[in-house]
Structure formats: C-alpha cells, structure tokens
Amino acid sequence: MRLVLAAFAVVLSTVLVPLGITSTWLSLQVDSTEAYVDTVAPLAEDEELRERLSVEVANAAMADLRSRVPDALVPGGVDALVQTSTRAVIESPGFPEFWREANADTHREFLAIVHERDHQLDDDGWVVVDLRPLLDQVLAEFFEQAGIPAVDLPQTPLPLPVMPESKLEEARGLYQVLEGLALWVPLLWAGLVTLAVLVAPGLRGRLRTGAACAIGVVLGGGLVLLLTPPVTDVVVDQVEPEKRDLARLVIEVVVQSLDETALGAVVIGLVVAVALFVVSLFTRRPAHGARS
C-alpha cells in the first residue's frame, strides 16, 4: 500500500511540473512589465531586428514622402536620403530607449486585456509595438539632411502586430488561472514529493523515490521544451504574413526565457536524480520482513 501511495504521488508530482514551470514563468516574466521589458531590451542591439525595422520604417517614410516631396528637391533622391536617415535613427544612442518605452506601452496594453482592466477591446484590433515615433524621427532627420522645410504629413499609424486582441480575450481565463496557480502548484508539488519520500519503505526506497521525483522534473521540463516551438509558431501565424519575421523575433526572445527556465529544471532534476540514485547504491537493504 505504501509503495502504491508513493508511486501515485510521484506520478502526480510529475504531471504538475510543466504546469508549475509555465505558471511560475508567466507570473514572474510575463505578468511584470519591468521583467518583460528587460527581456526584450537586448533586441535593440540585434542586427536582424534593426535591419527589419529599418526596412519597415523606411518603406513607410518613403510612402509618406514620395507624393509630397519631389526627388528634384533632394540631392540623390528621396529614397536614398530616407535610407540614410533611417540608418542614422536606428543606430543612434536613443534607439534602445525608444525600444524599451515602446515595448513597455505594448505590455501595459497586453495586461489591460488579460486582466480585464479599462480597455476598449476591438475585435479586429491587435496588441502592437507602435513604430510611429521612430518614423517621426526618421522624417525629421530626412528634412534636416535634405535641407528643405519640413512638410506636414498625415500621422499614419505604423504598428508592429504582436497578438490579436480577440485571441488574448479568448485566452484571458486560462491566463488568469495559470497566474493564480503560480504559488499553489509549486507548493502542491513539494507536498507530493515529501509525501512520496516519507511513505516509501526504507532509506534506499526513499532515496530512489526522491530520484524518481527528480526524473519527473526532467520529464516535465522536457515536455515544456518540446511544446514551446509549435506554440510559438501558432502565435506567429496570427500575424500578417509580411510582418511575421519581425514579430517572431520579439515573441521568440520572450519564449526563450521559458525555455531557459525549463532547461534549468531539466539540468537540476537530472543532477539530483543521479546523485540520489548513486547514494542509494551505498545504502543497505532492509532485512527481509523488517519494518521501516
């Protein structure tokens, strides 16, 4: 009976591991604007992100300017100077701060939806990173470099879509449940592990039961690592096709922190499992019929 109870506790604790990893990561990394911004901030130095943002912003700037500023007024043409101005803005010392502020605004919008705060939900709307301030800087740089008076241009939005608002609304209930479990699942897991170890017969049995629980952590962490790529693909597929590569850079760096958490659990679980099993090899078996 004790072996059955110990085995049941080991299996149940293993089932809780992916839930515990995900809910803890969600609470500590995703639900905190400061943590989220710190996670995506290094992307400001990523050459691929800078290149893709340069293309996005330059195309928007040229579309705004082409019908209003004749090429004849600009030495070398509008397109060439826009490219130069865009590179100057993207490579400027102020770009990392823009990136942090833009993502902080995006994250606050995200939290407003998942926590049902005062937010006007648009069924066709998106949670976006607003690139318009970057476009305004490029246009200002363009007019300064061209040496011509600035032209009033329409304030065309320039969003980088991250997630449809309707999808976040659908996932709101699950998000709130996972966030609420961030404290209780680890506590329940620890209780089950303690129960499994205590009811296992003999010192050797307790050590090996602890090793089995640690292997459960390895399996749970491995499952999280296996599931994050397809889930990431599902999220990215929601974005407009022409902006998916750019959106993937942002989403993947956020999910990477989940992968790192899961990988840490796998490594720690493996080390603990091996250590407990090796120690168990040097313990004496209880005498036949002896009670533990």
C-alpha atoms as a PDB file:
ATOM      1  CA  MET A   1       0.000   0.000   0.000  1.00  0.00           C
ATOM      2  CA  ARG A   2       2.844   2.368   0.845  1.00  0.00           C
ATOM      3  CA  LEU A   3       4.522   1.666  -2.491  1.00  0.00           C
ATOM      4  CA  VAL A   4       1.274   2.368  -4.323  1.00  0.00           C
ATOM      5  CA  LEU A   5       0.791   5.650  -2.480  1.00  0.00           C
ATOM      6  CA  ALA A   6       4.402   6.672  -3.154  1.00  0.00           C
ATOM      7  CA  ALA A   7       4.072   5.801  -6.860  1.00  0.00           C
ATOM      8  CA  PHE A   8       0.825   7.756  -7.133  1.00  0.00           C
ATOM      9  CA  ALA A   9       2.437  10.821  -5.507  1.00  0.00           C
ATOM     10  CA  VAL A  10       5.438  10.574  -7.868  1.00  0.00           C
ATOM     11  CA  VAL A  11       3.192  10.407 -10.955  1.00  0.00           C
ATOM     12  CA  LEU A  12       1.009  13.288  -9.806  1.00  0.00           C
ATOM     13  CA  SER A  13       4.023  15.457  -8.959  1.00  0.00           C
ATOM     14  CA  THR A  14       5.402  14.761 -12.443  1.00  0.00           C
ATOM     15  CA  VAL A  15       2.140  15.877 -14.038  1.00  0.00           C
ATOM     16  CA  LEU A  16       2.345  19.148 -12.106  1.00  0.00           C
ATOM     17  CA  VAL A  17       5.869  20.019 -13.270  1.00  0.00           C
ATOM     18  CA  PRO A  18       5.004  21.538 -16.701  1.00  0.00           C
ATOM     19  CA  LEU A  19       2.139  23.459 -15.128  1.00  0.00           C
ATOM     20  CA  GLY A  20       4.397  24.728 -12.352  1.00  0.00           C
ATOM     21  CA  ILE A  21       7.161  25.811 -14.742  1.00  0.00           C
ATOM     22  CA  THR A  22       4.728  27.606 -17.053  1.00  0.00           C
ATOM     23  CA  SER A  23       2.678  29.310 -14.336  1.00  0.00           C
ATOM     24  CA  THR A  24       5.776  30.489 -12.444  1.00  0.00           C
ATOM     25  CA  TRP A  25       7.341  31.841 -15.636  1.00  0.00           C
ATOM     26  CA  LEU A  26       4.071  33.560 -16.516  1.00  0.00           C
ATOM     27  CA  SER A  27       3.853  35.233 -13.126  1.00  0.00           C
ATOM     28  CA  LEU A  28       7.484  36.317 -12.881  1.00  0.00           C
ATOM     29  CA  GLN A  29       8.314  37.140 -16.514  1.00  0.00           C
ATOM     30  CA  VAL A  30       5.147  37.774 -18.499  1.00  0.00           C
ATOM     31  CA  ASP A  31       2.930  39.481 -15.922  1.00  0.00           C
ATOM     32  CA  SER A  32       5.589  42.024 -14.943  1.00  0.00           C
ATOM     33  CA  THR A  33       6.123  44.967 -17.304  1.00  0.00           C
ATOM     34  CA  GLU A  34       9.607  45.569 -15.900  1.00  0.00           C
ATOM     35  CA  ALA A  35      10.629  41.923 -16.368  1.00  0.00           C
ATOM     36  CA  TYR A  36       9.126  41.821 -19.866  1.00  0.00           C
ATOM     37  CA  VAL A  37      10.915  44.997 -20.949  1.00  0.00           C
ATOM     38  CA  ASP A  38      14.203  43.736 -19.508  1.00  0.00           C
ATOM     39  CA  THR A  39      13.709  40.531 -21.526  1.00  0.00           C
ATOM     40  CA  VAL A  40      13.131  42.233 -24.899  1.00  0.00           C
ATOM     41  CA  ALA A  41      15.519  45.181 -24.336  1.00  0.00           C
ATOM     42  CA  PRO A  42      18.618  43.344 -25.687  1.00  0.00           C
ATOM     43  CA  LEU A  43      16.852  43.047 -29.045  1.00  0.00           C
ATOM     44  CA  ALA A  44      17.676  46.738 -29.561  1.00  0.00           C
ATOM     45  CA  GLU A  45      21.256  45.597 -30.256  1.00  0.00           C
ATOM     46  CA  ASP A  46      20.202  42.719 -32.521  1.00  0.00           C
ATOM     47  CA  GLU A  47      21.299  43.365 -36.101  1.00  0.00           C
ATOM     48  CA  GLU A  48      18.456  41.363 -37.610  1.00  0.00           C
ATOM     49  CA  LEU A  49      15.850  43.354 -35.672  1.00  0.00           C
ATOM     50  CA  ARG A  50      17.495  46.642 -36.627  1.00  0.00           C
ATOM     51  CA  GLU A  51      17.614  45.637 -40.254  1.00  0.00           C
ATOM     52  CA  ARG A  52      13.963  44.592 -40.348  1.00  0.00           C
ATOM     53  CA  LEU A  53      12.840  47.705 -38.505  1.00  0.00           C
ATOM     54  CA  SER A  54      14.889  49.817 -40.915  1.00  0.00           C
ATOM     55  CA  VAL A  55      13.066  48.287 -43.884  1.00  0.00           C
ATOM     56  CA  GLU A  56       9.669  48.699 -42.222  1.00  0.00           C
ATOM     57  CA  VAL A  57      10.216  52.315 -41.212  1.00  0.00           C
ATOM     58  CA  ALA A  58      11.992  53.345 -44.426  1.00  0.00           C
ATOM     59  CA  ASN A  59       9.169  51.940 -46.565  1.00  0.00           C
ATOM     60  CA  ALA A  60       6.621  53.859 -44.504  1.00  0.00           C
ATOM     61  CA  ALA A  61       8.663  57.057 -44.690  1.00  0.00           C
ATOM     62  CA  MET A  62       9.054  56.792 -48.461  1.00  0.00           C
ATOM     63  CA  ALA A  63       5.344  56.165 -48.856  1.00  0.00           C
ATOM     64  CA  ASP A  64       4.618  59.317 -46.840  1.00  0.00           C
ATOM     65  CA  LEU A  65       7.156  61.439 -48.694  1.00  0.00           C
ATOM     66  CA  ARG A  66       7.037  60.256 -52.286  1.00  0.00           C
ATOM     67  CA  SER A  67       3.872  62.123 -53.270  1.00  0.00           C
ATOM     68  CA  ARG A  68       4.756  65.303 -51.359  1.00  0.00           C
ATOM     69  CA  VAL A  69       8.491  65.857 -51.774  1.00  0.00           C
ATOM     70  CA  PRO A  70       9.744  65.823 -55.400  1.00  0.00           C
ATOM     71  CA  ASP A  71      13.008  63.978 -55.987  1.00  0.00           C
ATOM     72  CA  ALA A  72      14.325  67.112 -57.705  1.00  0.00           C
ATOM     73  CA  LEU A  73      14.406  68.908 -54.343  1.00  0.00           C
ATOM     74  CA  VAL A  74      16.579  66.246 -52.714  1.00  0.00           C
ATOM     75  CA  PRO A  75      20.178  65.631 -53.777  1.00  0.00           C
ATOM     76  CA  GLY A  76      20.443  61.931 -54.608  1.00  0.00           C
ATOM     77  CA  GLY A  77      16.674  61.426 -54.480  1.00  0.00           C
ATOM     78  CA  VAL A  78      14.138  60.871 -51.717  1.00  0.00           C
ATOM     79  CA  ASP A  79      14.624  57.112 -51.388  1.00  0.00           C
ATOM     80  CA  ALA A  80      18.401  57.301 -50.906  1.00  0.00           C
ATOM     81  CA  LEU A  81      18.164  60.010 -48.260  1.00  0.00           C
ATOM     82  CA  VAL A  82      15.368  58.169 -46.437  1.00  0.00           C
ATOM     83  CA  GLN A  83      17.596  55.084 -46.231  1.00  0.00           C
ATOM     84  CA  THR A  84      20.422  57.225 -44.812  1.00  0.00           C
ATOM     85  CA  SER A  85      18.113  58.927 -42.315  1.00  0.00           C
ATOM     86  CA  THR A  86      16.642  55.609 -41.195  1.00  0.00           C
ATOM     87  CA  ARG A  87      20.051  54.088 -40.550  1.00  0.00           C
ATOM     88  CA  ALA A  88      21.064  57.200 -38.575  1.00  0.00           C
ATOM     89  CA  VAL A  89      17.989  56.932 -36.335  1.00  0.00           C
ATOM     90  CA  ILE A  90      18.190  53.139 -35.837  1.00  0.00           C
ATOM     91  CA  GLU A  91      21.881  53.323 -34.972  1.00  0.00           C
ATOM     92  CA  SER A  92      21.521  56.352 -32.700  1.00  0.00           C
ATOM     93  CA  PRO A  93      22.094  56.105 -28.914  1.00  0.00           C
ATOM     94  CA  GLY A  94      18.403  56.909 -28.383  1.00  0.00           C
ATOM     95  CA  PHE A  95      17.114  53.808 -30.182  1.00  0.00           C
ATOM     96  CA  PRO A  96      17.435  51.379 -27.205  1.00  0.00           C
ATOM     97  CA  GLU A  97      15.400  53.769 -25.043  1.00  0.00           C
ATOM     98  CA  PHE A  98      12.723  54.039 -27.747  1.00  0.00           C
ATOM     99  CA  TRP A  99      12.584  50.237 -27.891  1.00  0.00           C
ATOM    100  CA  ARG A 100      12.143  49.942 -24.135  1.00  0.00           C
ATOM    101  CA  GLU A 101       9.391  52.567 -23.983  1.00  0.00           C
ATOM    102  CA  ALA A 102       7.534  51.150 -26.991  1.00  0.00           C
ATOM    103  CA  ASN A 103       7.554  47.651 -25.502  1.00  0.00           C
ATOM    104  CA  ALA A 104       6.507  48.949 -22.079  1.00  0.00           C
ATOM    105  CA  ASP A 105       3.446  50.563 -23.717  1.00  0.00           C
ATOM    106  CA  THR A 106       2.725  47.314 -25.564  1.00  0.00           C
ATOM    107  CA  HIS A 107       2.965  45.266 -22.396  1.00  0.00           C
ATOM    108  CA  ARG A 108       0.660  47.579 -20.471  1.00  0.00           C
ATOM    109  CA  GLU A 109      -1.904  47.175 -23.257  1.00  0.00           C
ATOM    110  CA  PHE A 110      -1.476  43.394 -23.035  1.00  0.00           C
ATOM    111  CA  LEU A 111      -2.038  43.422 -19.263  1.00  0.00           C
ATOM    112  CA  ALA A 112      -5.105  45.618 -19.623  1.00  0.00           C
ATOM    113  CA  ILE A 113      -6.715  42.965 -21.837  1.00  0.00           C
ATOM    114  CA  VAL A 114      -5.778  39.816 -19.901  1.00  0.00           C
ATOM    115  CA  HIS A 115      -6.724  41.401 -16.565  1.00  0.00           C
ATOM    116  CA  GLU A 116      -9.956  42.956 -17.879  1.00  0.00           C
ATOM    117  CA  ARG A 117      -8.872  46.455 -16.992  1.00  0.00           C
ATOM    118  CA  ASP A 118     -10.352  49.569 -18.609  1.00  0.00           C
ATOM    119  CA  HIS A 119      -9.538  48.802 -22.232  1.00  0.00           C
ATOM    120  CA  GLN A 120     -11.708  49.296 -25.296  1.00  0.00           C
ATOM    121  CA  LEU A 121     -11.471  45.907 -26.986  1.00  0.00           C
ATOM    122  CA  ASP A 122     -11.508  45.859 -30.786  1.00  0.00           C
ATOM    123  CA  ASP A 123     -12.468  42.501 -32.315  1.00  0.00           C
ATOM    124  CA  ASP A 124     -10.232  43.276 -35.297  1.00  0.00           C
ATOM    125  CA  GLY A 125      -7.555  45.026 -33.231  1.00  0.00           C
ATOM    126  CA  TRP A 126      -4.041  43.970 -32.356  1.00  0.00           C
ATOM    127  CA  VAL A 127      -1.652  44.419 -29.499  1.00  0.00           C
ATOM    128  CA  VAL A 128       1.171  46.226 -31.289  1.00  0.00           C
ATOM    129  CA  VAL A 129       4.571  47.799 -30.857  1.00  0.00           C
ATOM    130  CA  ASP A 130       3.974  51.362 -32.073  1.00  0.00           C
ATOM    131  CA  LEU A 131       6.731  52.306 -34.516  1.00  0.00           C
ATOM    132  CA  ARG A 132       5.239  55.719 -35.330  1.00  0.00           C
ATOM    133  CA  PRO A 133       7.633  57.642 -33.014  1.00  0.00           C
ATOM    134  CA  LEU A 134      10.524  56.010 -34.868  1.00  0.00           C
ATOM    135  CA  LEU A 135       9.006  57.044 -38.197  1.00  0.00           C
ATOM    136  CA  ASP A 136       8.625  60.635 -36.932  1.00  0.00           C
ATOM    137  CA  GLN A 137      12.316  60.689 -36.013  1.00  0.00           C
ATOM    138  CA  VAL A 138      13.245  59.425 -39.486  1.00  0.00           C
ATOM    139  CA  LEU A 139      11.117  62.098 -41.169  1.00  0.00           C
ATOM    140  CA  ALA A 140      12.656  64.832 -39.002  1.00  0.00           C
ATOM    141  CA  GLU A 141      16.137  63.527 -39.816  1.00  0.00           C
ATOM    142  CA  PHE A 142      15.226  63.421 -43.521  1.00  0.00           C
ATOM    143  CA  PHE A 143      14.159  67.077 -43.679  1.00  0.00           C
ATOM    144  CA  GLU A 144      17.237  68.149 -41.726  1.00  0.00           C
ATOM    145  CA  GLN A 145      19.588  66.204 -44.011  1.00  0.00           C
ATOM    146  CA  ALA A 146      17.769  67.385 -47.143  1.00  0.00           C
ATOM    147  CA  GLY A 147      17.981  70.994 -46.028  1.00  0.00           C
ATOM    148  CA  ILE A 148      14.375  71.688 -47.017  1.00  0.00           C
ATOM    149  CA  PRO A 149      11.419  72.929 -44.937  1.00  0.00           C
ATOM    150  CA  ALA A 150       9.510  70.181 -43.168  1.00  0.00           C
ATOM    151  CA  VAL A 151       6.234  69.164 -44.759  1.00  0.00           C
ATOM    152  CA  ASP A 152       3.155  68.329 -42.700  1.00  0.00           C
ATOM    153  CA  LEU A 153       2.469  64.672 -43.326  1.00  0.00           C
ATOM    154  CA  PRO A 154      -0.542  62.610 -42.227  1.00  0.00           C
ATOM    155  CA  GLN A 155       0.003  60.770 -38.947  1.00  0.00           C
ATOM    156  CA  THR A 156      -0.255  57.320 -40.492  1.00  0.00           C
ATOM    157  CA  PRO A 157      -0.072  54.585 -37.822  1.00  0.00           C
ATOM    158  CA  LEU A 158       2.901  52.247 -38.089  1.00  0.00           C
ATOM    159  CA  PRO A 159       2.132  49.228 -35.890  1.00  0.00           C
ATOM    160  CA  LEU A 160       4.190  46.081 -35.448  1.00  0.00           C
ATOM    161  CA  PRO A 161       1.483  43.483 -34.690  1.00  0.00           C
ATOM    162  CA  VAL A 162       2.223  41.105 -31.820  1.00  0.00           C
ATOM    163  CA  MET A 163      -1.094  39.407 -30.952  1.00  0.00           C
ATOM    164  CA  PRO A 164      -4.766  39.806 -31.949  1.00  0.00           C
ATOM    165  CA  GLU A 165      -6.789  41.315 -29.119  1.00  0.00           C
ATOM    166  CA  SER A 166      -9.573  38.803 -29.743  1.00  0.00           C
ATOM    167  CA  LYS A 167      -7.150  35.896 -29.166  1.00  0.00           C
ATOM    168  CA  LEU A 168      -5.999  37.425 -25.898  1.00  0.00           C
ATOM    169  CA  GLU A 169      -9.606  37.809 -24.825  1.00  0.00           C
ATOM    170  CA  GLU A 170     -10.207  34.123 -25.578  1.00  0.00           C
ATOM    171  CA  ALA A 171      -7.130  33.152 -23.553  1.00  0.00           C
ATOM    172  CA  ARG A 172      -7.934  35.514 -20.671  1.00  0.00           C
ATOM    173  CA  GLY A 173      -9.493  32.845 -18.469  1.00  0.00           C
ATOM    174  CA  LEU A 174      -6.608  30.405 -18.948  1.00  0.00           C
ATOM    175  CA  TYR A 175      -4.080  33.181 -18.330  1.00  0.00           C
ATOM    176  CA  GLN A 176      -5.710  34.163 -15.054  1.00  0.00           C
ATOM    177  CA  VAL A 177      -5.931  30.538 -13.916  1.00  0.00           C
ATOM    178  CA  LEU A 178      -2.238  29.949 -14.653  1.00  0.00           C
ATOM    179  CA  GLU A 179      -1.273  33.155 -12.903  1.00  0.00           C
ATOM    180  CA  GLY A 180      -3.276  32.108  -9.857  1.00  0.00           C
ATOM    181  CA  LEU A 181      -1.563  28.712  -9.817  1.00  0.00           C
ATOM    182  CA  ALA A 182       1.934  30.205  -9.769  1.00  0.00           C
ATOM    183  CA  LEU A 183       2.107  29.930  -5.981  1.00  0.00           C
ATOM    184  CA  TRP A 184      -0.036  26.873  -5.291  1.00  0.00           C
ATOM    185  CA  VAL A 185       1.318  24.441  -7.886  1.00  0.00           C
ATOM    186  CA  PRO A 186       4.929  24.567  -6.600  1.00  0.00           C
ATOM    187  CA  LEU A 187       3.642  24.135  -3.038  1.00  0.00           C
ATOM    188  CA  LEU A 188       1.451  21.206  -4.041  1.00  0.00           C
ATOM    189  CA  TRP A 189       4.355  19.659  -5.961  1.00  0.00           C
ATOM    190  CA  ALA A 190       6.619  19.983  -2.907  1.00  0.00           C
ATOM    191  CA  GLY A 191       3.933  18.395  -0.735  1.00  0.00           C
ATOM    192  CA  LEU A 192       3.532  15.447  -3.076  1.00  0.00           C
ATOM    193  CA  VAL A 193       7.284  14.892  -3.259  1.00  0.00           C
ATOM    194  CA  THR A 194       7.513  14.999   0.530  1.00  0.00           C
ATOM    195  CA  LEU A 195       4.629  12.533   0.828  1.00  0.00           C
ATOM    196  CA  ALA A 196       6.167  10.167  -1.725  1.00  0.00           C
ATOM    197  CA  VAL A 197       9.540  10.170   0.050  1.00  0.00           C
ATOM    198  CA  LEU A 198       8.074   9.742   3.536  1.00  0.00           C
ATOM    199  CA  VAL A 199       5.819   6.807   2.697  1.00  0.00           C
ATOM    200  CA  ALA A 200       8.446   4.938   0.664  1.00  0.00           C
ATOM    201  CA  PRO A 201       9.809   1.933   2.617  1.00  0.00           C
ATOM    202  CA  GLY A 202      13.391   2.099   3.838  1.00  0.00           C
ATOM    203  CA  LEU A 203      16.186   4.605   3.314  1.00  0.00           C
ATOM    204  CA  ARG A 204      17.080   3.143  -0.063  1.00  0.00           C
ATOM    205  CA  GLY A 205      13.439   3.306  -1.150  1.00  0.00           C
ATOM    206  CA  ARG A 206      13.180   6.926  -0.045  1.00  0.00           C
ATOM    207  CA  LEU A 207      16.317   7.910  -1.905  1.00  0.00           C
ATOM    208  CA  ARG A 208      15.127   6.229  -5.079  1.00  0.00           C
ATOM    209  CA  THR A 209      11.664   7.726  -4.707  1.00  0.00           C
ATOM    210  CA  GLY A 210      13.309  11.148  -4.474  1.00  0.00           C
ATOM    211  CA  ALA A 211      15.286  10.263  -7.611  1.00  0.00           C
ATOM    212  CA  ALA A 212      12.034   9.291  -9.358  1.00  0.00           C
ATOM    213  CA  CYS A 213      10.519  12.669  -8.427  1.00  0.00           C
ATOM    214  CA  ALA A 214      13.612  14.380  -9.828  1.00  0.00           C
ATOM    215  CA  ILE A 215      13.229  12.388 -13.057  1.00  0.00           C
ATOM    216  CA  GLY A 216       9.658  13.678 -13.123  1.00  0.00           C
ATOM    217  CA  VAL A 217      11.081  17.214 -13.133  1.00  0.00           C
ATOM    218  CA  VAL A 218      13.312  16.241 -16.060  1.00  0.00           C
ATOM    219  CA  LEU A 219      10.319  14.858 -17.988  1.00  0.00           C
ATOM    220  CA  GLY A 220       8.141  17.866 -17.200  1.00  0.00           C
ATOM    221  CA  GLY A 221      10.819  20.343 -18.213  1.00  0.00           C
ATOM    222  CA  GLY A 222      11.485  18.362 -21.379  1.00  0.00           C
ATOM    223  CA  LEU A 223       7.798  18.487 -22.274  1.00  0.00           C
ATOM    224  CA  VAL A 224       7.807  22.279 -21.949  1.00  0.00           C
ATOM    225  CA  LEU A 225      10.862  22.466 -24.218  1.00  0.00           C
ATOM    226  CA  LEU A 226       9.115  20.276 -26.804  1.00  0.00           C
ATOM    227  CA  LEU A 227       5.913  22.308 -26.788  1.00  0.00           C
ATOM    228  CA  THR A 228       7.295  25.855 -26.956  1.00  0.00           C
ATOM    229  CA  PRO A 229       8.291  25.770 -30.683  1.00  0.00           C
ATOM    230  CA  PRO A 230       4.864  24.669 -32.016  1.00  0.00           C
ATOM    231  CA  VAL A 231       3.068  27.081 -29.660  1.00  0.00           C
ATOM    232  CA  THR A 232       5.351  29.898 -30.855  1.00  0.00           C
ATOM    233  CA  ASP A 233       4.521  29.002 -34.467  1.00  0.00           C
ATOM    234  CA  VAL A 234       0.798  29.176 -33.702  1.00  0.00           C
ATOM    235  CA  VAL A 235       1.177  32.649 -32.189  1.00  0.00           C
ATOM    236  CA  VAL A 236       3.346  33.937 -35.055  1.00  0.00           C
ATOM    237  CA  ASP A 237       0.893  32.581 -37.635  1.00  0.00           C
ATOM    238  CA  GLN A 238      -1.701  35.018 -36.271  1.00  0.00           C
ATOM    239  CA  VAL A 239       0.388  37.965 -37.527  1.00  0.00           C
ATOM    240  CA  GLU A 240       0.132  39.413 -41.032  1.00  0.00           C
ATOM    241  CA  PRO A 241       2.409  37.372 -43.339  1.00  0.00           C
ATOM    242  CA  GLU A 242       4.669  40.289 -44.288  1.00  0.00           C
ATOM    243  CA  LYS A 243       5.379  41.089 -40.629  1.00  0.00           C
ATOM    244  CA  ARG A 244       5.757  37.587 -39.215  1.00  0.00           C
ATOM    245  CA  ASP A 245       9.553  37.518 -39.279  1.00  0.00           C
ATOM    246  CA  LEU A 246       9.738  40.729 -37.292  1.00  0.00           C
ATOM    247  CA  ALA A 247       7.074  39.602 -34.828  1.00  0.00           C
ATOM    248  CA  ARG A 248       8.835  36.231 -34.423  1.00  0.00           C
ATOM    249  CA  LEU A 249      11.999  37.963 -33.211  1.00  0.00           C
ATOM    250  CA  VAL A 250      10.070  39.594 -30.369  1.00  0.00           C
ATOM    251  CA  ILE A 251       7.970  36.541 -29.470  1.00  0.00           C
ATOM    252  CA  GLU A 252      10.891  34.113 -29.558  1.00  0.00           C
ATOM    253  CA  VAL A 253      13.034  36.182 -27.215  1.00  0.00           C
ATOM    254  CA  VAL A 254      10.169  36.193 -24.696  1.00  0.00           C
ATOM    255  CA  VAL A 255       9.590  32.448 -25.039  1.00  0.00           C
ATOM    256  CA  GLN A 256      13.346  31.885 -24.734  1.00  0.00           C
ATOM    257  CA  SER A 257      13.092  32.812 -21.059  1.00  0.00           C
ATOM    258  CA  LEU A 258      10.556  29.978 -20.639  1.00  0.00           C
ATOM    259  CA  ASP A 259      12.912  27.583 -22.400  1.00  0.00           C
ATOM    260  CA  GLU A 260      15.744  28.668 -20.098  1.00  0.00           C
ATOM    261  CA  THR A 261      13.558  28.039 -17.045  1.00  0.00           C
ATOM    262  CA  ALA A 262      12.542  24.606 -18.349  1.00  0.00           C
ATOM    263  CA  LEU A 263      16.138  23.723 -19.257  1.00  0.00           C
ATOM    264  CA  GLY A 264      17.278  24.735 -15.773  1.00  0.00           C
ATOM    265  CA  ALA A 265      14.648  22.401 -14.304  1.00  0.00           C
ATOM    266  CA  VAL A 266      15.858  19.563 -16.556  1.00  0.00           C
ATOM    267  CA  VAL A 267      19.505  20.020 -15.559  1.00  0.00           C
ATOM    268  CA  ILE A 268      18.794  20.337 -11.848  1.00  0.00           C
ATOM    269  CA  GLY A 269      16.400  17.388 -11.927  1.00  0.00           C
ATOM    270  CA  LEU A 270      18.932  15.218 -13.721  1.00  0.00           C
ATOM    271  CA  VAL A 271      21.744  16.100 -11.302  1.00  0.00           C
ATOM    272  CA  VAL A 272      19.568  15.447  -8.259  1.00  0.00           C
ATOM    273  CA  ALA A 273      18.232  12.170  -9.695  1.00  0.00           C
ATOM    274  CA  VAL A 274      21.702  10.831 -10.435  1.00  0.00           C
ATOM    275  CA  ALA A 275      23.039  11.927  -7.050  1.00  0.00           C
ATOM    276  CA  LEU A 276      20.194  10.316  -5.104  1.00  0.00           C
ATOM    277  CA  PHE A 277      20.396   7.089  -7.102  1.00  0.00           C
ATOM    278  CA  VAL A 278      24.159   6.811  -6.616  1.00  0.00           C
ATOM    279  CA  VAL A 279      23.812   7.403  -2.884  1.00  0.00           C
ATOM    280  CA  SER A 280      21.102   4.745  -2.755  1.00  0.00           C
ATOM    281  CA  LEU A 281      23.567   2.184  -4.139  1.00  0.00           C
ATOM    282  CA  PHE A 282      25.650   2.505  -0.998  1.00  0.00           C
ATOM    283  CA  THR A 283      22.791   2.042   1.454  1.00  0.00           C
ATOM    284  CA  ARG A 284      21.949  -1.318   2.956  1.00  0.00           C
ATOM    285  CA  ARG A 285      18.777  -3.115   2.030  1.00  0.00           C
ATOM    286  CA  PRO A 286      16.401  -3.552   4.955  1.00  0.00           C
ATOM    287  CA  ALA A 287      16.383  -7.088   6.333  1.00  0.00           C
ATOM    288  CA  HIS A 288      13.666  -9.344   4.912  1.00  0.00           C
ATOM    289  CA  GLY A 289      10.448  -8.776   6.801  1.00  0.00           C
ATOM    290  CA  ALA A 290      11.839  -5.765   8.676  1.00  0.00           C
ATOM    291  CA  ARG A 291       9.548  -2.816   9.095  1.00  0.00           C
ATOM    292  CA  SER A 292      10.558   0.712   8.037  1.00  0.00           C
END
